[in-house]
Amino acid sequence: MVEYPPGNICPGGFFMSFLARFRELEEQGIDILAILAGDRYIDDVQLEAITQNLGPLGQDYHVDLIELITHERHDPERSRDLWKGIYTSHTVGF
């Protein structure tokens, strides 16, 4: 089994979920929600940590991101739609 990113395989050989990766970043003092909301800026070191921790984004990225925000789990399509709504309302300034 190939590890990507390195160290993100949980005991038993399963890949770490994005939700677990988000929480791991929070333990390192990197607040993903504040960064995504534009309430916090990150330096190059933190950006590198995020990039290495998250790796390539798969279909569960939005599912886990929405769960992190709402504590509710939705299917991938619904999660993408919810994220688009959140992102659009934030960038438009509602």
PDB file of N, CA and C in Angstrom:
ATOM      1  N   MET A   1       0.850  -1.174   0.000  1.00  0.00           N
ATOM      2  CA  MET A   1       0.000   0.000   0.000  1.00  0.00           C
ATOM      3  C   MET A   1       0.894   1.235   0.000  1.00  0.00           C
ATOM      4  N   VAL A   2       0.583   2.183  -0.860  1.00  0.00           N
ATOM      5  CA  VAL A   2       1.349   3.414  -0.945  1.00  0.00           C
ATOM      6  C   VAL A   2       0.731   4.441  -0.002  1.00  0.00           C
ATOM      7  N   GLU A   3       1.575   5.077   0.775  1.00  0.00           N
ATOM      8  CA  GLU A   3       1.100   6.110   1.687  1.00  0.00           C
ATOM      9  C   GLU A   3       1.130   7.452   0.991  1.00  0.00           C
ATOM     10  N   TYR A   4       0.016   8.128   0.918  1.00  0.00           N
ATOM     11  CA  TYR A   4       0.005   9.494   0.433  1.00  0.00           C
ATOM     12  C   TYR A   4      -1.008  10.295   1.202  1.00  0.00           C
ATOM     13  N   PRO A   5      -0.605  11.337   1.811  1.00  0.00           N
ATOM     14  CA  PRO A   5       0.775  11.707   2.089  1.00  0.00           C
ATOM     15  C   PRO A   5       1.371  10.785   3.131  1.00  0.00           C
ATOM     16  N   PRO A   6       2.706  10.773   3.270  1.00  0.00           N
ATOM     17  CA  PRO A   6       3.344   9.866   4.227  1.00  0.00           C
ATOM     18  C   PRO A   6       2.762  10.020   5.625  1.00  0.00           C
ATOM     19  N   GLY A   7       2.522   8.901   6.270  1.00  0.00           N
ATOM     20  CA  GLY A   7       2.024   8.923   7.641  1.00  0.00           C
ATOM     21  C   GLY A   7       0.517   9.028   7.766  1.00  0.00           C
ATOM     22  N   ASN A   8      -0.195   9.033   6.668  1.00  0.00           N
ATOM     23  CA  ASN A   8      -1.648   9.186   6.754  1.00  0.00           C
ATOM     24  C   ASN A   8      -2.381   7.873   6.574  1.00  0.00           C
ATOM     25  N   ILE A   9      -1.754   6.797   6.979  1.00  0.00           N
ATOM     26  CA  ILE A   9      -2.437   5.513   7.009  1.00  0.00           C
ATOM     27  C   ILE A   9      -2.685   5.168   8.467  1.00  0.00           C
ATOM     28  N   CYS A  10      -3.914   4.920   8.783  1.00  0.00           N
ATOM     29  CA  CYS A  10      -4.305   4.595  10.156  1.00  0.00           C
ATOM     30  C   CYS A  10      -3.960   3.138  10.454  1.00  0.00           C
ATOM     31  N   PRO A  11      -3.951   2.774  11.728  1.00  0.00           N
ATOM     32  CA  PRO A  11      -3.721   1.374  12.086  1.00  0.00           C
ATOM     33  C   PRO A  11      -4.699   0.469  11.339  1.00  0.00           C
ATOM     34  N   GLY A  12      -4.216  -0.656  10.871  1.00  0.00           N
ATOM     35  CA  GLY A  12      -5.051  -1.580  10.122  1.00  0.00           C
ATOM     36  C   GLY A  12      -4.941  -1.350   8.615  1.00  0.00           C
ATOM     37  N   GLY A  13      -4.161  -0.344   8.204  1.00  0.00           N
ATOM     38  CA  GLY A  13      -3.908  -0.121   6.789  1.00  0.00           C
ATOM     39  C   GLY A  13      -4.909   0.767   6.083  1.00  0.00           C
ATOM     40  N   PHE A  14      -5.842   1.374   6.806  1.00  0.00           N
ATOM     41  CA  PHE A  14      -6.825   2.231   6.171  1.00  0.00           C
ATOM     42  C   PHE A  14      -6.287   3.649   6.047  1.00  0.00           C
ATOM     43  N   PHE A  15      -6.640   4.310   4.962  1.00  0.00           N
ATOM     44  CA  PHE A  15      -6.228   5.693   4.784  1.00  0.00           C
ATOM     45  C   PHE A  15      -7.005   6.584   5.741  1.00  0.00           C
ATOM     46  N   MET A  16      -6.332   7.603   6.247  1.00  0.00           N
ATOM     47  CA  MET A  16      -6.950   8.560   7.155  1.00  0.00           C
ATOM     48  C   MET A  16      -7.963   9.403   6.382  1.00  0.00           C
ATOM     49  N   SER A  17      -9.132   9.589   6.942  1.00  0.00           N
ATOM     50  CA  SER A  17     -10.159  10.410   6.302  1.00  0.00           C
ATOM     51  C   SER A  17      -9.727  11.871   6.317  1.00  0.00           C
ATOM     52  N   PHE A  18     -10.342  12.662   5.450  1.00  0.00           N
ATOM     53  CA  PHE A  18     -10.050  14.091   5.468  1.00  0.00           C
ATOM     54  C   PHE A  18     -10.470  14.699   6.797  1.00  0.00           C
ATOM     55  N   LEU A  19     -11.555  14.214   7.377  1.00  0.00           N
ATOM     56  CA  LEU A  19     -12.011  14.725   8.664  1.00  0.00           C
ATOM     57  C   LEU A  19     -10.919  14.521   9.718  1.00  0.00           C
ATOM     58  N   ALA A  20     -10.326  13.345   9.729  1.00  0.00           N
ATOM     59  CA  ALA A  20      -9.234  13.075  10.669  1.00  0.00           C
ATOM     60  C   ALA A  20      -8.033  13.964  10.356  1.00  0.00           C
ATOM     61  N   ARG A  21      -7.771  14.203   9.082  1.00  0.00           N
ATOM     62  CA  ARG A  21      -6.661  15.087   8.702  1.00  0.00           C
ATOM     63  C   ARG A  21      -6.936  16.525   9.133  1.00  0.00           C
ATOM     64  N   PHE A  22      -8.183  16.989   8.963  1.00  0.00           N
ATOM     65  CA  PHE A  22      -8.544  18.340   9.406  1.00  0.00           C
ATOM     66  C   PHE A  22      -8.304  18.466  10.903  1.00  0.00           C
ATOM     67  N   ARG A  23      -8.726  17.462  11.654  1.00  0.00           N
ATOM     68  CA  ARG A  23      -8.572  17.497  13.114  1.00  0.00           C
ATOM     69  C   ARG A  23      -7.094  17.440  13.507  1.00  0.00           C
ATOM     70  N   GLU A  24      -6.311  16.676  12.743  1.00  0.00           N
ATOM     71  CA  GLU A  24      -4.883  16.612  13.006  1.00  0.00           C
ATOM     72  C   GLU A  24      -4.234  17.983  12.792  1.00  0.00           C
ATOM     73  N   LEU A  25      -4.650  18.669  11.743  1.00  0.00           N
ATOM     74  CA  LEU A  25      -4.137  20.023  11.496  1.00  0.00           C
ATOM     75  C   LEU A  25      -4.530  20.966  12.633  1.00  0.00           C
ATOM     76  N   GLU A  26      -5.765  20.831  13.120  1.00  0.00           N
ATOM     77  CA  GLU A  26      -6.198  21.668  14.235  1.00  0.00           C
ATOM     78  C   GLU A  26      -5.344  21.425  15.476  1.00  0.00           C
ATOM     79  N   GLU A  27      -4.931  20.167  15.694  1.00  0.00           N
ATOM     80  CA  GLU A  27      -4.059  19.847  16.824  1.00  0.00           C
ATOM     81  C   GLU A  27      -2.699  20.527  16.676  1.00  0.00           C
ATOM     82  N   GLN A  28      -2.311  20.819  15.421  1.00  0.00           N
ATOM     83  CA  GLN A  28      -1.047  21.511  15.152  1.00  0.00           C
ATOM     84  C   GLN A  28      -1.224  23.033  15.195  1.00  0.00           C
ATOM     85  N   GLY A  29      -2.438  23.491  15.545  1.00  0.00           N
ATOM     86  CA  GLY A  29      -2.695  24.920  15.629  1.00  0.00           C
ATOM     87  C   GLY A  29      -3.118  25.553  14.317  1.00  0.00           C
ATOM     88  N   ILE A  30      -3.476  24.734  13.331  1.00  0.00           N
ATOM     89  CA  ILE A  30      -3.906  25.237  12.031  1.00  0.00           C
ATOM     90  C   ILE A  30      -5.419  25.101  11.945  1.00  0.00           C
ATOM     91  N   ASP A  31      -6.129  26.213  12.032  1.00  0.00           N
ATOM     92  CA  ASP A  31      -7.590  26.236  12.035  1.00  0.00           C
ATOM     93  C   ASP A  31      -8.109  26.305  10.600  1.00  0.00           C
ATOM     94  N   ILE A  32      -8.444  25.151  10.042  1.00  0.00           N
ATOM     95  CA  ILE A  32      -8.888  25.059   8.655  1.00  0.00           C
ATOM     96  C   ILE A  32     -10.114  25.926   8.402  1.00  0.00           C
ATOM     97  N   LEU A  33     -11.078  25.909   9.305  1.00  0.00           N
ATOM     98  CA  LEU A  33     -12.297  26.692   9.091  1.00  0.00           C
ATOM     99  C   LEU A  33     -12.002  28.186   9.050  1.00  0.00           C
ATOM    100  N   ALA A  34     -11.144  28.670   9.924  1.00  0.00           N
ATOM    101  CA  ALA A  34     -10.790  30.094   9.920  1.00  0.00           C
ATOM    102  C   ALA A  34     -10.050  30.465   8.644  1.00  0.00           C
ATOM    103  N   ILE A  35      -9.215  29.562   8.159  1.00  0.00           N
ATOM    104  CA  ILE A  35      -8.479  29.818   6.916  1.00  0.00           C
ATOM    105  C   ILE A  35      -9.441  29.865   5.740  1.00  0.00           C
ATOM    106  N   LEU A  36     -10.335  28.884   5.660  1.00  0.00           N
ATOM    107  CA  LEU A  36     -11.292  28.848   4.562  1.00  0.00           C
ATOM    108  C   LEU A  36     -12.244  30.044   4.590  1.00  0.00           C
ATOM    109  N   ALA A  37     -12.566  30.518   5.784  1.00  0.00           N
ATOM    110  CA  ALA A  37     -13.466  31.660   5.921  1.00  0.00           C
ATOM    111  C   ALA A  37     -12.755  32.975   5.629  1.00  0.00           C
ATOM    112  N   GLY A  38     -11.430  32.933   5.521  1.00  0.00           N
ATOM    113  CA  GLY A  38     -10.679  34.159   5.280  1.00  0.00           C
ATOM    114  C   GLY A  38     -10.441  34.960   6.547  1.00  0.00           C
ATOM    115  N   ASP A  39     -10.722  34.349   7.696  1.00  0.00           N
ATOM    116  CA  ASP A  39     -10.527  35.030   8.976  1.00  0.00           C
ATOM    117  C   ASP A  39      -9.093  34.904   9.474  1.00  0.00           C
ATOM    118  N   ARG A  40      -8.343  34.025   8.854  1.00  0.00           N
ATOM    119  CA  ARG A  40      -6.969  33.795   9.288  1.00  0.00           C
ATOM    120  C   ARG A  40      -6.114  33.533   8.065  1.00  0.00           C
ATOM    121  N   TYR A  41      -4.975  34.152   8.034  1.00  0.00           N
ATOM    122  CA  TYR A  41      -4.031  33.928   6.950  1.00  0.00           C
ATOM    123  C   TYR A  41      -2.951  32.985   7.434  1.00  0.00           C
ATOM    124  N   ILE A  42      -2.358  32.281   6.501  1.00  0.00           N
ATOM    125  CA  ILE A  42      -1.345  31.297   6.865  1.00  0.00           C
ATOM    126  C   ILE A  42      -0.011  31.668   6.233  1.00  0.00           C
ATOM    127  N   ASP A  43       1.042  31.241   6.898  1.00  0.00           N
ATOM    128  CA  ASP A  43       2.372  31.466   6.345  1.00  0.00           C
ATOM    129  C   ASP A  43       2.776  30.269   5.490  1.00  0.00           C
ATOM    130  N   ASP A  44       3.924  30.350   4.869  1.00  0.00           N
ATOM    131  CA  ASP A  44       4.380  29.295   3.958  1.00  0.00           C
ATOM    132  C   ASP A  44       4.562  27.955   4.659  1.00  0.00           C
ATOM    133  N   VAL A  45       5.010  27.973   5.899  1.00  0.00           N
ATOM    134  CA  VAL A  45       5.213  26.730   6.652  1.00  0.00           C
ATOM    135  C   VAL A  45       3.874  26.037   6.890  1.00  0.00           C
ATOM    136  N   GLN A  46       2.867  26.808   7.286  1.00  0.00           N
ATOM    137  CA  GLN A  46       1.546  26.222   7.518  1.00  0.00           C
ATOM    138  C   GLN A  46       0.922  25.746   6.211  1.00  0.00           C
ATOM    139  N   LEU A  47       1.101  26.503   5.135  1.00  0.00           N
ATOM    140  CA  LEU A  47       0.584  26.081   3.831  1.00  0.00           C
ATOM    141  C   LEU A  47       1.205  24.759   3.412  1.00  0.00           C
ATOM    142  N   GLU A  48       2.488  24.607   3.617  1.00  0.00           N
ATOM    143  CA  GLU A  48       3.171  23.354   3.289  1.00  0.00           C
ATOM    144  C   GLU A  48       2.630  22.206   4.133  1.00  0.00           C
ATOM    145  N   ALA A  49       2.392  22.447   5.428  1.00  0.00           N
ATOM    146  CA  ALA A  49       1.834  21.409   6.313  1.00  0.00           C
ATOM    147  C   ALA A  49       0.456  20.984   5.841  1.00  0.00           C
ATOM    148  N   ILE A  50      -0.363  21.947   5.452  1.00  0.00           N
ATOM    149  CA  ILE A  50      -1.710  21.636   4.971  1.00  0.00           C
ATOM    150  C   ILE A  50      -1.633  20.833   3.683  1.00  0.00           C
ATOM    151  N   THR A  51      -0.816  21.282   2.758  1.00  0.00           N
ATOM    152  CA  THR A  51      -0.681  20.617   1.464  1.00  0.00           C
ATOM    153  C   THR A  51      -0.205  19.176   1.632  1.00  0.00           C
ATOM    154  N   GLN A  52       0.796  18.986   2.469  1.00  0.00           N
ATOM    155  CA  GLN A  52       1.311  17.627   2.677  1.00  0.00           C
ATOM    156  C   GLN A  52       0.310  16.764   3.427  1.00  0.00           C
ATOM    157  N   ASN A  53      -0.414  17.344   4.352  1.00  0.00           N
ATOM    158  CA  ASN A  53      -1.362  16.569   5.148  1.00  0.00           C
ATOM    159  C   ASN A  53      -2.569  16.139   4.329  1.00  0.00           C
ATOM    160  N   LEU A  54      -3.106  17.029   3.525  1.00  0.00           N
ATOM    161  CA  LEU A  54      -4.330  16.711   2.791  1.00  0.00           C
ATOM    162  C   LEU A  54      -4.089  15.851   1.569  1.00  0.00           C
ATOM    163  N   GLY A  55      -2.996  16.090   0.857  1.00  0.00           N
ATOM    164  CA  GLY A  55      -2.740  15.313  -0.350  1.00  0.00           C
ATOM    165  C   GLY A  55      -3.787  15.602  -1.413  1.00  0.00           C
ATOM    166  N   PRO A  56      -3.904  14.706  -2.398  1.00  0.00           N
ATOM    167  CA  PRO A  56      -4.887  14.938  -3.457  1.00  0.00           C
ATOM    168  C   PRO A  56      -6.315  14.848  -2.917  1.00  0.00           C
ATOM    169  N   LEU A  57      -7.173  15.710  -3.418  1.00  0.00           N
ATOM    170  CA  LEU A  57      -8.558  15.746  -2.947  1.00  0.00           C
ATOM    171  C   LEU A  57      -9.390  14.701  -3.674  1.00  0.00           C
ATOM    172  N   GLY A  58     -10.078  13.878  -2.920  1.00  0.00           N
ATOM    173  CA  GLY A  58     -10.955  12.861  -3.484  1.00  0.00           C
ATOM    174  C   GLY A  58     -12.403  13.225  -3.243  1.00  0.00           C
ATOM    175  N   GLN A  59     -13.300  12.298  -3.548  1.00  0.00           N
ATOM    176  CA  GLN A  59     -14.735  12.588  -3.417  1.00  0.00           C
ATOM    177  C   GLN A  59     -15.153  12.814  -1.974  1.00  0.00           C
ATOM    178  N   ASP A  60     -14.431  12.282  -1.013  1.00  0.00           N
ATOM    179  CA  ASP A  60     -14.810  12.445   0.387  1.00  0.00           C
ATOM    180  C   ASP A  60     -14.342  13.767   0.983  1.00  0.00           C
ATOM    181  N   TYR A  61     -13.554  14.544   0.241  1.00  0.00           N
ATOM    182  CA  TYR A  61     -13.063  15.825   0.750  1.00  0.00           C
ATOM    183  C   TYR A  61     -14.221  16.718   1.178  1.00  0.00           C
ATOM    184  N   HIS A  62     -15.186  16.945   0.288  1.00  0.00           N
ATOM    185  CA  HIS A  62     -16.313  17.821   0.616  1.00  0.00           C
ATOM    186  C   HIS A  62     -17.220  17.201   1.685  1.00  0.00           C
ATOM    187  N   VAL A  63     -17.369  15.890   1.656  1.00  0.00           N
ATOM    188  CA  VAL A  63     -18.182  15.194   2.667  1.00  0.00           C
ATOM    189  C   VAL A  63     -17.597  15.468   4.053  1.00  0.00           C
ATOM    190  N   ASP A  64     -16.284  15.295   4.193  1.00  0.00           N
ATOM    191  CA  ASP A  64     -15.631  15.498   5.483  1.00  0.00           C
ATOM    192  C   ASP A  64     -15.567  16.972   5.864  1.00  0.00           C
ATOM    193  N   LEU A  65     -15.386  17.850   4.877  1.00  0.00           N
ATOM    194  CA  LEU A  65     -15.362  19.282   5.151  1.00  0.00           C
ATOM    195  C   LEU A  65     -16.709  19.759   5.694  1.00  0.00           C
ATOM    196  N   ILE A  66     -17.788  19.334   5.057  1.00  0.00           N
ATOM    197  CA  ILE A  66     -19.126  19.709   5.525  1.00  0.00           C
ATOM    198  C   ILE A  66     -19.398  19.112   6.903  1.00  0.00           C
ATOM    199  N   GLU A  67     -18.935  17.894   7.148  1.00  0.00           N
ATOM    200  CA  GLU A  67     -19.111  17.303   8.482  1.00  0.00           C
ATOM    201  C   GLU A  67     -18.342  18.097   9.534  1.00  0.00           C
ATOM    202  N   LEU A  68     -17.150  18.568   9.191  1.00  0.00           N
ATOM    203  CA  LEU A  68     -16.373  19.378  10.116  1.00  0.00           C
ATOM    204  C   LEU A  68     -17.127  20.655  10.472  1.00  0.00           C
ATOM    205  N   ILE A  69     -17.793  21.251   9.490  1.00  0.00           N
ATOM    206  CA  ILE A  69     -18.506  22.509   9.693  1.00  0.00           C
ATOM    207  C   ILE A  69     -19.849  22.301  10.401  1.00  0.00           C
ATOM    208  N   THR A  70     -20.629  21.314   9.948  1.00  0.00           N
ATOM    209  CA  THR A  70     -22.007  21.167  10.408  1.00  0.00           C
ATOM    210  C   THR A  70     -22.248  20.012  11.368  1.00  0.00           C
ATOM    211  N   HIS A  71     -21.290  19.111  11.465  1.00  0.00           N
ATOM    212  CA  HIS A  71     -21.438  17.881  12.249  1.00  0.00           C
ATOM    213  C   HIS A  71     -22.521  16.978  11.656  1.00  0.00           C
ATOM    214  N   GLU A  72     -22.793  17.153  10.371  1.00  0.00           N
ATOM    215  CA  GLU A  72     -23.727  16.300   9.634  1.00  0.00           C
ATOM    216  C   GLU A  72     -22.988  15.704   8.448  1.00  0.00           C
ATOM    217  N   ARG A  73     -23.328  14.464   8.119  1.00  0.00           N
ATOM    218  CA  ARG A  73     -22.675  13.786   6.999  1.00  0.00           C
ATOM    219  C   ARG A  73     -23.674  13.647   5.861  1.00  0.00           C
ATOM    220  N   HIS A  74     -23.242  14.067   4.659  1.00  0.00           N
ATOM    221  CA  HIS A  74     -24.075  14.002   3.459  1.00  0.00           C
ATOM    222  C   HIS A  74     -23.336  13.236   2.376  1.00  0.00           C
ATOM    223  N   ASP A  75     -24.053  12.841   1.321  1.00  0.00           N
ATOM    224  CA  ASP A  75     -23.403  12.162   0.207  1.00  0.00           C
ATOM    225  C   ASP A  75     -22.503  13.176  -0.525  1.00  0.00           C
ATOM    226  N   PRO A  76     -21.558  12.686  -1.341  1.00  0.00           N
ATOM    227  CA  PRO A  76     -20.596  13.577  -1.998  1.00  0.00           C
ATOM    228  C   PRO A  76     -21.227  14.692  -2.835  1.00  0.00           C
ATOM    229  N   GLU A  77     -22.263  14.382  -3.605  1.00  0.00           N
ATOM    230  CA  GLU A  77     -22.886  15.404  -4.455  1.00  0.00           C
ATOM    231  C   GLU A  77     -23.527  16.503  -3.602  1.00  0.00           C
ATOM    232  N   ARG A  78     -24.271  16.115  -2.583  1.00  0.00           N
ATOM    233  CA  ARG A  78     -24.921  17.094  -1.702  1.00  0.00           C
ATOM    234  C   ARG A  78     -23.866  17.924  -0.971  1.00  0.00           C
ATOM    235  N   SER A  79     -22.789  17.283  -0.543  1.00  0.00           N
ATOM    236  CA  SER A  79     -21.717  17.995   0.152  1.00  0.00           C
ATOM    237  C   SER A  79     -21.069  19.042  -0.744  1.00  0.00           C
ATOM    238  N   ARG A  80     -20.827  18.694  -2.012  1.00  0.00           N
ATOM    239  CA  ARG A  80     -20.259  19.669  -2.958  1.00  0.00           C
ATOM    240  C   ARG A  80     -21.214  20.840  -3.144  1.00  0.00           C
ATOM    241  N   ASP A  81     -22.510  20.546  -3.269  1.00  0.00           N
ATOM    242  CA  ASP A  81     -23.503  21.613  -3.423  1.00  0.00           C
ATOM    243  C   ASP A  81     -23.532  22.522  -2.198  1.00  0.00           C
ATOM    244  N   LEU A  82     -23.486  21.934  -1.008  1.00  0.00           N
ATOM    245  CA  LEU A  82     -23.468  22.729   0.216  1.00  0.00           C
ATOM    246  C   LEU A  82     -22.224  23.615   0.265  1.00  0.00           C
ATOM    247  N   TRP A  83     -21.077  23.031  -0.095  1.00  0.00           N
ATOM    248  CA  TRP A  83     -19.846  23.816  -0.072  1.00  0.00           C
ATOM    249  C   TRP A  83     -19.904  24.964  -1.083  1.00  0.00           C
ATOM    250  N   LYS A  84     -20.430  24.692  -2.279  1.00  0.00           N
ATOM    251  CA  LYS A  84     -20.567  25.755  -3.281  1.00  0.00           C
ATOM    252  C   LYS A  84     -21.430  26.885  -2.740  1.00  0.00           C
ATOM    253  N   GLY A  85     -22.515  26.541  -2.027  1.00  0.00           N
ATOM    254  CA  GLY A  85     -23.378  27.549  -1.434  1.00  0.00           C
ATOM    255  C   GLY A  85     -22.663  28.364  -0.373  1.00  0.00           C
ATOM    256  N   ILE A  86     -21.900  27.691   0.459  1.00  0.00           N
ATOM    257  CA  ILE A  86     -21.140  28.382   1.507  1.00  0.00           C
ATOM    258  C   ILE A  86     -20.094  29.288   0.870  1.00  0.00           C
ATOM    259  N   TYR A  87     -19.351  28.749  -0.060  1.00  0.00           N
ATOM    260  CA  TYR A  87     -18.278  29.504  -0.698  1.00  0.00           C
ATOM    261  C   TYR A  87     -18.831  30.701  -1.464  1.00  0.00           C
ATOM    262  N   THR A  88     -19.907  30.481  -2.213  1.00  0.00           N
ATOM    263  CA  THR A  88     -20.486  31.554  -3.007  1.00  0.00           C
ATOM    264  C   THR A  88     -21.022  32.669  -2.114  1.00  0.00           C
ATOM    265  N   SER A  89     -21.728  32.317  -1.054  1.00  0.00           N
ATOM    266  CA  SER A  89     -22.272  33.346  -0.176  1.00  0.00           C
ATOM    267  C   SER A  89     -21.160  34.114   0.530  1.00  0.00           C
ATOM    268  N   HIS A  90     -20.061  33.446   0.832  1.00  0.00           N
ATOM    269  CA  HIS A  90     -18.939  34.115   1.489  1.00  0.00           C
ATOM    270  C   HIS A  90     -18.228  35.057   0.516  1.00  0.00           C
ATOM    271  N   THR A  91     -18.002  34.612  -0.713  1.00  0.00           N
ATOM    272  CA  THR A  91     -17.255  35.434  -1.664  1.00  0.00           C
ATOM    273  C   THR A  91     -18.089  36.598  -2.193  1.00  0.00           C
ATOM    274  N   VAL A  92     -19.414  36.454  -2.186  1.00  0.00           N
ATOM    275  CA  VAL A  92     -20.279  37.533  -2.639  1.00  0.00           C
ATOM    276  C   VAL A  92     -20.476  38.555  -1.525  1.00  0.00           C
ATOM    277  N   GLY A  93     -20.266  38.126  -0.285  1.00  0.00           N
ATOM    278  CA  GLY A  93     -20.336  39.040   0.842  1.00  0.00           C
ATOM    279  C   GLY A  93     -21.657  39.064   1.580  1.00  0.00           C
ATOM    280  N   PHE A  94     -22.391  37.968   1.535  1.00  0.00           N
ATOM    281  CA  PHE A  94     -23.654  37.904   2.279  1.00  0.00           C
ATOM    282  C   PHE A  94     -23.395  37.755   3.743  1.00  0.00           C
TER     283      PHE A  94
END
